């Protein structure tokens, strides 16, 4: 896998998470209005992640970093193997989003360990936000 492919796949994953959270917002509006704000917040953060990754791709921010040396040994599957989600209920959506958030957390944690400086901090911050999303989703699931 090339660096550009990695970033493109990450952008796709973040977009999928954004879409899941927006769908969660819609489900919640009808089934659990108290959860709408939770899904809105997570969607906004996923959108910011996507934009950050798109900027990295456009600017070539990761070129020349240690990530290139580790691409083949990162064991990126299943983190990048998720397919398009098609949940039919809020419960299904939460379970799917939980898995994806865990995958994103693990991948960003690995990238943060490899990349130095501000890029490493960005990946660490994104990993932390994905972990918070997973925790929020776990709490949501327990209330369903």
N, C-alpha and C. Protein backbone atom coordinates (compact mmCIF):
# COMPACT_ATOMS: atom_id res chain seq x y z
N UNK A 1 0.84 -1.18 0.00
CA UNK A 1 0.00 0.00 0.00
C UNK A 1 0.89 1.25 0.00
N UNK A 2 0.49 2.19 -0.83
CA UNK A 2 1.22 3.46 -0.89
C UNK A 2 0.65 4.43 0.14
N UNK A 3 1.43 5.45 0.45
CA UNK A 3 1.03 6.45 1.43
C UNK A 3 -0.26 7.16 1.01
N UNK A 4 -0.36 7.52 -0.26
CA UNK A 4 -1.56 8.18 -0.76
C UNK A 4 -2.79 7.31 -0.60
N UNK A 5 -2.62 6.01 -0.86
CA UNK A 5 -3.73 5.07 -0.71
C UNK A 5 -4.18 4.98 0.74
N UNK A 6 -3.21 4.98 1.65
CA UNK A 6 -3.52 4.94 3.07
C UNK A 6 -4.36 6.15 3.46
N UNK A 7 -3.91 7.32 3.07
CA UNK A 7 -4.65 8.53 3.43
C UNK A 7 -6.02 8.58 2.77
N UNK A 8 -6.10 8.15 1.52
CA UNK A 8 -7.41 8.11 0.85
C UNK A 8 -8.37 7.16 1.57
N UNK A 9 -7.86 6.03 2.01
CA UNK A 9 -8.70 5.07 2.74
C UNK A 9 -9.12 5.63 4.10
N UNK A 10 -8.21 6.34 4.75
CA UNK A 10 -8.56 6.97 6.03
C UNK A 10 -9.63 8.04 5.85
N UNK A 11 -9.51 8.82 4.78
CA UNK A 11 -10.52 9.83 4.47
C UNK A 11 -11.87 9.13 4.26
N UNK A 12 -11.86 8.03 3.52
CA UNK A 12 -13.10 7.28 3.28
C UNK A 12 -13.69 6.78 4.59
N UNK A 13 -12.82 6.24 5.47
CA UNK A 13 -13.29 5.72 6.77
C UNK A 13 -13.90 6.83 7.61
N UNK A 14 -13.24 7.99 7.64
CA UNK A 14 -13.77 9.11 8.42
C UNK A 14 -15.11 9.57 7.85
N UNK A 15 -15.23 9.55 6.54
CA UNK A 15 -16.49 9.93 5.91
C UNK A 15 -17.58 8.93 6.27
N UNK A 16 -17.23 7.65 6.31
CA UNK A 16 -18.19 6.62 6.72
C UNK A 16 -18.65 6.85 8.16
N UNK A 17 -17.70 7.16 9.04
CA UNK A 17 -18.07 7.42 10.43
C UNK A 17 -18.95 8.66 10.53
N UNK A 18 -18.62 9.69 9.76
CA UNK A 18 -19.44 10.90 9.73
C UNK A 18 -20.87 10.53 9.31
N UNK A 19 -20.99 9.78 8.24
CA UNK A 19 -22.31 9.38 7.74
C UNK A 19 -23.07 8.54 8.77
N UNK A 20 -22.37 7.64 9.45
CA UNK A 20 -23.02 6.84 10.48
C UNK A 20 -23.56 7.72 11.60
N UNK A 21 -22.75 8.68 12.03
CA UNK A 21 -23.18 9.55 13.13
C UNK A 21 -24.33 10.46 12.70
N UNK A 22 -24.32 10.90 11.44
CA UNK A 22 -25.44 11.71 10.94
C UNK A 22 -26.71 10.85 10.87
N UNK A 23 -26.57 9.61 10.45
CA UNK A 23 -27.71 8.70 10.43
C UNK A 23 -28.18 8.42 11.86
N UNK A 24 -27.22 8.28 12.77
CA UNK A 24 -27.57 8.10 14.18
C UNK A 24 -28.35 9.28 14.70
N UNK A 25 -27.97 10.46 14.26
CA UNK A 25 -28.70 11.68 14.63
C UNK A 25 -30.15 11.60 14.14
N UNK A 26 -30.33 11.11 12.93
CA UNK A 26 -31.68 10.97 12.37
C UNK A 26 -32.49 9.92 13.13
N UNK A 27 -31.89 8.73 13.34
CA UNK A 27 -32.57 7.70 14.13
C UNK A 27 -32.96 8.24 15.50
N UNK A 28 -32.00 8.92 16.14
CA UNK A 28 -32.23 9.43 17.49
C UNK A 28 -33.36 10.46 17.51
N UNK A 29 -33.45 11.28 16.47
CA UNK A 29 -34.50 12.30 16.43
C UNK A 29 -35.88 11.68 16.55
N UNK A 30 -36.04 10.46 16.04
CA UNK A 30 -37.34 9.79 16.09
C UNK A 30 -37.48 8.86 17.29
N UNK A 31 -36.35 8.21 17.66
CA UNK A 31 -36.43 7.18 18.70
C UNK A 31 -35.95 7.65 20.07
N UNK A 32 -34.89 8.46 20.07
CA UNK A 32 -34.26 8.88 21.32
C UNK A 32 -33.74 10.31 21.19
N UNK A 33 -34.62 11.30 21.25
CA UNK A 33 -34.21 12.70 21.07
C UNK A 33 -33.09 13.14 22.02
N UNK A 34 -32.99 12.48 23.17
CA UNK A 34 -31.93 12.83 24.12
C UNK A 34 -30.54 12.49 23.59
N UNK A 35 -30.44 11.70 22.52
CA UNK A 35 -29.14 11.30 21.97
C UNK A 35 -28.72 12.11 20.74
N UNK A 36 -29.58 12.98 20.25
CA UNK A 36 -29.27 13.74 19.03
C UNK A 36 -27.98 14.52 19.18
N UNK A 37 -27.81 15.22 20.27
CA UNK A 37 -26.61 16.05 20.47
C UNK A 37 -25.33 15.20 20.51
N UNK A 38 -25.42 14.02 21.08
CA UNK A 38 -24.26 13.12 21.13
C UNK A 38 -23.80 12.76 19.72
N UNK A 39 -24.76 12.39 18.87
CA UNK A 39 -24.41 12.04 17.50
C UNK A 39 -23.93 13.25 16.71
N UNK A 40 -24.50 14.43 16.97
CA UNK A 40 -24.05 15.65 16.29
C UNK A 40 -22.59 15.95 16.61
N UNK A 41 -22.24 15.85 17.88
CA UNK A 41 -20.87 16.12 18.31
C UNK A 41 -19.89 15.17 17.65
N UNK A 42 -20.22 13.88 17.65
CA UNK A 42 -19.31 12.90 17.04
C UNK A 42 -19.19 13.13 15.54
N UNK A 43 -20.29 13.48 14.88
CA UNK A 43 -20.25 13.75 13.44
C UNK A 43 -19.34 14.94 13.15
N UNK A 44 -19.43 15.99 13.94
CA UNK A 44 -18.58 17.17 13.74
C UNK A 44 -17.11 16.81 13.88
N UNK A 45 -16.78 15.99 14.87
CA UNK A 45 -15.39 15.59 15.07
C UNK A 45 -14.89 14.71 13.92
N UNK A 46 -15.74 13.83 13.41
CA UNK A 46 -15.34 12.99 12.27
C UNK A 46 -15.11 13.85 11.03
N UNK A 47 -15.93 14.86 10.86
CA UNK A 47 -15.77 15.78 9.73
C UNK A 47 -14.43 16.52 9.84
N UNK A 48 -14.08 16.93 11.04
CA UNK A 48 -12.79 17.59 11.26
C UNK A 48 -11.64 16.63 10.97
N UNK A 49 -11.78 15.37 11.39
CA UNK A 49 -10.75 14.37 11.10
C UNK A 49 -10.58 14.21 9.59
N UNK A 50 -11.72 14.10 8.89
CA UNK A 50 -11.67 13.93 7.43
C UNK A 50 -10.95 15.11 6.78
N UNK A 51 -11.30 16.30 7.18
CA UNK A 51 -10.66 17.49 6.60
C UNK A 51 -9.17 17.54 6.92
N UNK A 52 -8.79 17.13 8.10
CA UNK A 52 -7.38 17.08 8.47
C UNK A 52 -6.63 16.11 7.57
N UNK A 53 -7.21 14.92 7.37
CA UNK A 53 -6.57 13.91 6.51
C UNK A 53 -6.53 14.37 5.05
N UNK A 54 -7.58 15.03 4.59
CA UNK A 54 -7.58 15.56 3.22
C UNK A 54 -6.48 16.59 3.04
N UNK A 55 -6.26 17.41 4.06
CA UNK A 55 -5.19 18.40 3.99
C UNK A 55 -3.82 17.72 3.97
N UNK A 56 -3.66 16.67 4.77
CA UNK A 56 -2.40 15.91 4.77
C UNK A 56 -2.15 15.31 3.40
N UNK A 57 -3.19 14.80 2.78
CA UNK A 57 -3.07 14.21 1.44
C UNK A 57 -2.70 15.27 0.42
N UNK A 58 -3.39 16.40 0.46
CA UNK A 58 -3.16 17.48 -0.52
C UNK A 58 -1.77 18.09 -0.35
N UNK A 59 -1.35 18.23 0.88
CA UNK A 59 -0.05 18.89 1.15
C UNK A 59 1.12 17.91 1.13
N UNK A 60 0.84 16.62 1.11
CA UNK A 60 1.92 15.63 1.15
C UNK A 60 2.64 15.63 2.49
N UNK A 61 1.90 15.90 3.56
CA UNK A 61 2.48 16.04 4.90
C UNK A 61 3.23 14.81 5.40
N UNK A 62 2.81 13.63 4.99
CA UNK A 62 3.44 12.41 5.50
C UNK A 62 4.60 11.93 4.63
N UNK A 63 4.81 12.58 3.49
CA UNK A 63 5.94 12.18 2.64
C UNK A 63 7.24 12.45 3.39
N UNK A 64 8.11 11.48 3.33
CA UNK A 64 9.40 11.63 3.99
C UNK A 64 9.38 11.30 5.47
N UNK A 65 8.22 10.88 5.99
CA UNK A 65 8.15 10.49 7.40
C UNK A 65 8.39 9.00 7.53
N UNK A 66 8.50 8.55 8.76
CA UNK A 66 8.77 7.13 9.03
C UNK A 66 7.61 6.23 8.63
N UNK A 67 6.43 6.79 8.41
CA UNK A 67 5.27 5.97 8.04
C UNK A 67 5.56 5.14 6.81
N UNK A 68 6.28 5.71 5.86
CA UNK A 68 6.60 5.02 4.61
C UNK A 68 7.34 3.71 4.90
N UNK A 69 8.24 3.74 5.88
CA UNK A 69 9.02 2.56 6.22
C UNK A 69 8.18 1.46 6.87
N UNK A 70 7.06 1.84 7.44
CA UNK A 70 6.24 0.90 8.19
C UNK A 70 4.95 0.47 7.49
N UNK A 71 4.65 1.04 6.35
CA UNK A 71 3.37 0.78 5.69
C UNK A 71 3.06 -0.71 5.53
N UNK A 72 4.04 -1.47 5.11
CA UNK A 72 3.78 -2.89 4.87
C UNK A 72 3.67 -3.70 6.15
N UNK A 73 4.24 -3.19 7.25
CA UNK A 73 4.22 -3.96 8.50
C UNK A 73 3.24 -3.42 9.53
N UNK A 74 2.41 -2.47 9.15
CA UNK A 74 1.47 -1.88 10.11
C UNK A 74 0.30 -2.78 10.47
N UNK A 75 0.06 -3.83 9.73
CA UNK A 75 -1.10 -4.70 9.95
C UNK A 75 -2.37 -3.87 9.98
N UNK A 76 -2.63 -3.20 8.88
CA UNK A 76 -3.74 -2.26 8.81
C UNK A 76 -5.10 -2.92 8.72
N UNK A 77 -5.15 -4.17 8.32
CA UNK A 77 -6.43 -4.87 8.32
C UNK A 77 -6.67 -5.38 9.73
N UNK A 78 -7.83 -5.36 10.28
CA UNK A 78 -9.10 -5.04 9.65
C UNK A 78 -9.44 -3.54 9.66
N UNK A 79 -8.52 -2.73 10.17
CA UNK A 79 -8.82 -1.31 10.35
C UNK A 79 -9.26 -0.62 9.07
N UNK A 80 -8.70 -1.03 7.96
CA UNK A 80 -9.06 -0.39 6.69
C UNK A 80 -9.95 -1.27 5.83
N UNK A 81 -10.39 -2.39 6.40
CA UNK A 81 -11.20 -3.33 5.64
C UNK A 81 -12.69 -3.18 5.82
N UNK A 82 -13.10 -2.22 6.64
CA UNK A 82 -14.53 -2.02 6.84
C UNK A 82 -15.20 -1.62 5.54
N UNK A 83 -16.36 -2.17 5.31
CA UNK A 83 -17.13 -1.84 4.10
C UNK A 83 -18.23 -0.85 4.48
N UNK A 84 -18.93 -0.38 3.49
CA UNK A 84 -20.01 0.58 3.73
C UNK A 84 -21.05 -0.04 4.66
N UNK A 85 -21.42 0.73 5.68
CA UNK A 85 -22.40 0.28 6.66
C UNK A 85 -23.82 0.51 6.15
N UNK A 86 -24.71 -0.41 6.49
CA UNK A 86 -26.12 -0.27 6.10
C UNK A 86 -27.01 -0.65 7.28
N UNK A 87 -26.89 0.09 8.39
CA UNK A 87 -27.69 -0.27 9.56
C UNK A 87 -29.17 0.01 9.34
N UNK A 88 -29.98 -0.87 9.93
CA UNK A 88 -31.42 -0.72 9.78
C UNK A 88 -32.09 -0.30 11.09
N UNK A 89 -31.30 -0.13 12.14
CA UNK A 89 -31.84 0.30 13.42
C UNK A 89 -30.77 1.09 14.16
N UNK A 90 -31.19 1.80 15.18
CA UNK A 90 -30.23 2.55 15.99
C UNK A 90 -29.24 1.61 16.68
N UNK A 91 -29.73 0.49 17.16
CA UNK A 91 -28.86 -0.49 17.82
C UNK A 91 -27.79 -1.02 16.86
N UNK A 92 -28.20 -1.38 15.66
CA UNK A 92 -27.27 -1.86 14.64
C UNK A 92 -26.22 -0.79 14.31
N UNK A 93 -26.69 0.43 14.18
CA UNK A 93 -25.80 1.55 13.88
C UNK A 93 -24.76 1.72 14.97
N UNK A 94 -25.18 1.70 16.21
CA UNK A 94 -24.26 1.89 17.34
C UNK A 94 -23.21 0.78 17.35
N UNK A 95 -23.63 -0.46 17.13
CA UNK A 95 -22.66 -1.57 17.13
C UNK A 95 -21.65 -1.43 16.00
N UNK A 96 -22.12 -1.06 14.82
CA UNK A 96 -21.22 -0.88 13.68
C UNK A 96 -20.26 0.28 13.94
N UNK A 97 -20.79 1.38 14.44
CA UNK A 97 -19.95 2.54 14.73
C UNK A 97 -18.91 2.22 15.80
N UNK A 98 -19.29 1.43 16.79
CA UNK A 98 -18.35 1.03 17.84
C UNK A 98 -17.13 0.30 17.26
N UNK A 99 -17.40 -0.63 16.37
CA UNK A 99 -16.31 -1.38 15.74
C UNK A 99 -15.41 -0.45 14.94
N UNK A 100 -16.00 0.44 14.16
CA UNK A 100 -15.23 1.37 13.34
C UNK A 100 -14.42 2.35 14.20
N UNK A 101 -15.01 2.82 15.28
CA UNK A 101 -14.29 3.73 16.18
C UNK A 101 -13.09 3.03 16.79
N UNK A 102 -13.26 1.78 17.15
CA UNK A 102 -12.15 0.99 17.71
C UNK A 102 -11.05 0.84 16.67
N UNK A 103 -11.43 0.53 15.45
CA UNK A 103 -10.44 0.39 14.38
C UNK A 103 -9.69 1.70 14.17
N UNK A 104 -10.41 2.80 14.13
CA UNK A 104 -9.79 4.11 13.92
C UNK A 104 -8.85 4.43 15.08
N UNK A 105 -9.28 4.17 16.30
CA UNK A 105 -8.42 4.41 17.47
C UNK A 105 -7.11 3.63 17.36
N UNK A 106 -7.21 2.36 17.02
CA UNK A 106 -6.01 1.52 16.93
C UNK A 106 -5.07 2.02 15.83
N UNK A 107 -5.61 2.39 14.69
CA UNK A 107 -4.78 2.85 13.59
C UNK A 107 -4.11 4.19 13.92
N UNK A 108 -4.87 5.14 14.43
CA UNK A 108 -4.28 6.44 14.76
C UNK A 108 -3.25 6.32 15.88
N UNK A 109 -3.47 5.38 16.80
CA UNK A 109 -2.49 5.15 17.85
C UNK A 109 -1.18 4.64 17.25
N UNK A 110 -1.29 3.70 16.30
CA UNK A 110 -0.08 3.20 15.63
C UNK A 110 0.63 4.31 14.87
N UNK A 111 -0.12 5.11 14.14
CA UNK A 111 0.49 6.20 13.37
C UNK A 111 1.14 7.22 14.30
N UNK A 112 0.52 7.50 15.44
CA UNK A 112 1.08 8.46 16.40
C UNK A 112 2.42 7.96 16.96
N UNK A 113 2.56 6.65 17.09
CA UNK A 113 3.81 6.07 17.59
C UNK A 113 4.93 6.15 16.57
N UNK A 114 4.57 6.18 15.30
CA UNK A 114 5.57 6.17 14.22
C UNK A 114 6.02 7.57 13.84
N UNK A 115 5.07 8.51 13.81
CA UNK A 115 5.35 9.85 13.30
C UNK A 115 5.73 10.79 14.45
N UNK A 116 6.77 11.57 14.25
CA UNK A 116 7.23 12.51 15.27
C UNK A 116 6.58 13.87 15.09
N UNK A 117 6.77 14.72 16.07
CA UNK A 117 6.39 16.12 15.96
C UNK A 117 4.90 16.36 15.94
N UNK A 118 4.52 17.43 15.26
CA UNK A 118 3.12 17.87 15.26
C UNK A 118 2.20 16.85 14.60
N UNK A 119 2.68 16.14 13.57
CA UNK A 119 1.85 15.11 12.93
C UNK A 119 1.53 13.98 13.92
N UNK A 120 2.51 13.60 14.71
CA UNK A 120 2.29 12.59 15.73
C UNK A 120 1.25 13.04 16.74
N UNK A 121 1.33 14.32 17.12
CA UNK A 121 0.35 14.87 18.06
C UNK A 121 -1.06 14.89 17.45
N UNK A 122 -1.13 15.18 16.17
CA UNK A 122 -2.44 15.19 15.50
C UNK A 122 -3.05 13.79 15.53
N UNK A 123 -2.26 12.78 15.19
CA UNK A 123 -2.77 11.41 15.22
C UNK A 123 -3.14 10.98 16.64
N UNK A 124 -2.35 11.41 17.61
CA UNK A 124 -2.66 11.08 19.01
C UNK A 124 -3.97 11.73 19.43
N UNK A 125 -4.18 12.98 19.03
CA UNK A 125 -5.42 13.68 19.34
C UNK A 125 -6.61 12.98 18.68
N UNK A 126 -6.43 12.60 17.41
CA UNK A 126 -7.51 11.92 16.70
C UNK A 126 -7.81 10.57 17.36
N UNK A 127 -6.77 9.85 17.77
CA UNK A 127 -6.97 8.56 18.46
C UNK A 127 -7.77 8.78 19.74
N UNK A 128 -7.43 9.82 20.49
CA UNK A 128 -8.15 10.12 21.72
C UNK A 128 -9.61 10.42 21.47
N UNK A 129 -9.89 11.15 20.42
CA UNK A 129 -11.29 11.46 20.09
C UNK A 129 -12.06 10.21 19.67
N UNK A 130 -11.39 9.33 18.92
CA UNK A 130 -12.05 8.08 18.51
C UNK A 130 -12.35 7.21 19.74
N UNK A 131 -11.44 7.22 20.70
CA UNK A 131 -11.67 6.46 21.94
C UNK A 131 -12.85 7.04 22.71
N UNK A 132 -12.96 8.35 22.76
CA UNK A 132 -14.11 8.99 23.42
C UNK A 132 -15.41 8.64 22.69
N UNK A 133 -15.35 8.60 21.36
CA UNK A 133 -16.55 8.22 20.60
C UNK A 133 -16.97 6.80 20.97
N UNK A 134 -16.00 5.90 21.04
CA UNK A 134 -16.32 4.50 21.38
C UNK A 134 -16.94 4.43 22.77
N UNK A 135 -16.42 5.21 23.70
CA UNK A 135 -16.98 5.22 25.05
C UNK A 135 -18.41 5.75 25.05
N UNK A 136 -18.63 6.85 24.33
CA UNK A 136 -19.99 7.41 24.23
C UNK A 136 -20.95 6.40 23.61
N UNK A 137 -20.49 5.73 22.55
CA UNK A 137 -21.33 4.74 21.88
C UNK A 137 -21.65 3.56 22.81
N UNK A 138 -20.67 3.18 23.61
CA UNK A 138 -20.90 2.10 24.58
C UNK A 138 -21.98 2.51 25.57
N UNK A 139 -21.92 3.75 26.04
CA UNK A 139 -22.95 4.25 26.97
C UNK A 139 -24.32 4.31 26.29
N UNK A 140 -24.34 4.74 25.03
CA UNK A 140 -25.58 4.78 24.28
C UNK A 140 -26.16 3.38 24.16
N UNK A 141 -25.30 2.43 23.79
CA UNK A 141 -25.76 1.05 23.60
C UNK A 141 -26.39 0.49 24.88
N UNK A 142 -25.78 0.83 26.01
CA UNK A 142 -26.29 0.32 27.30
C UNK A 142 -27.66 0.88 27.63
N UNK A 143 -28.02 2.01 27.02
CA UNK A 143 -29.33 2.60 27.30
C UNK A 143 -30.40 2.14 26.31
N UNK A 144 -30.01 1.42 25.28
CA UNK A 144 -30.98 0.98 24.27
C UNK A 144 -31.73 -0.26 24.73
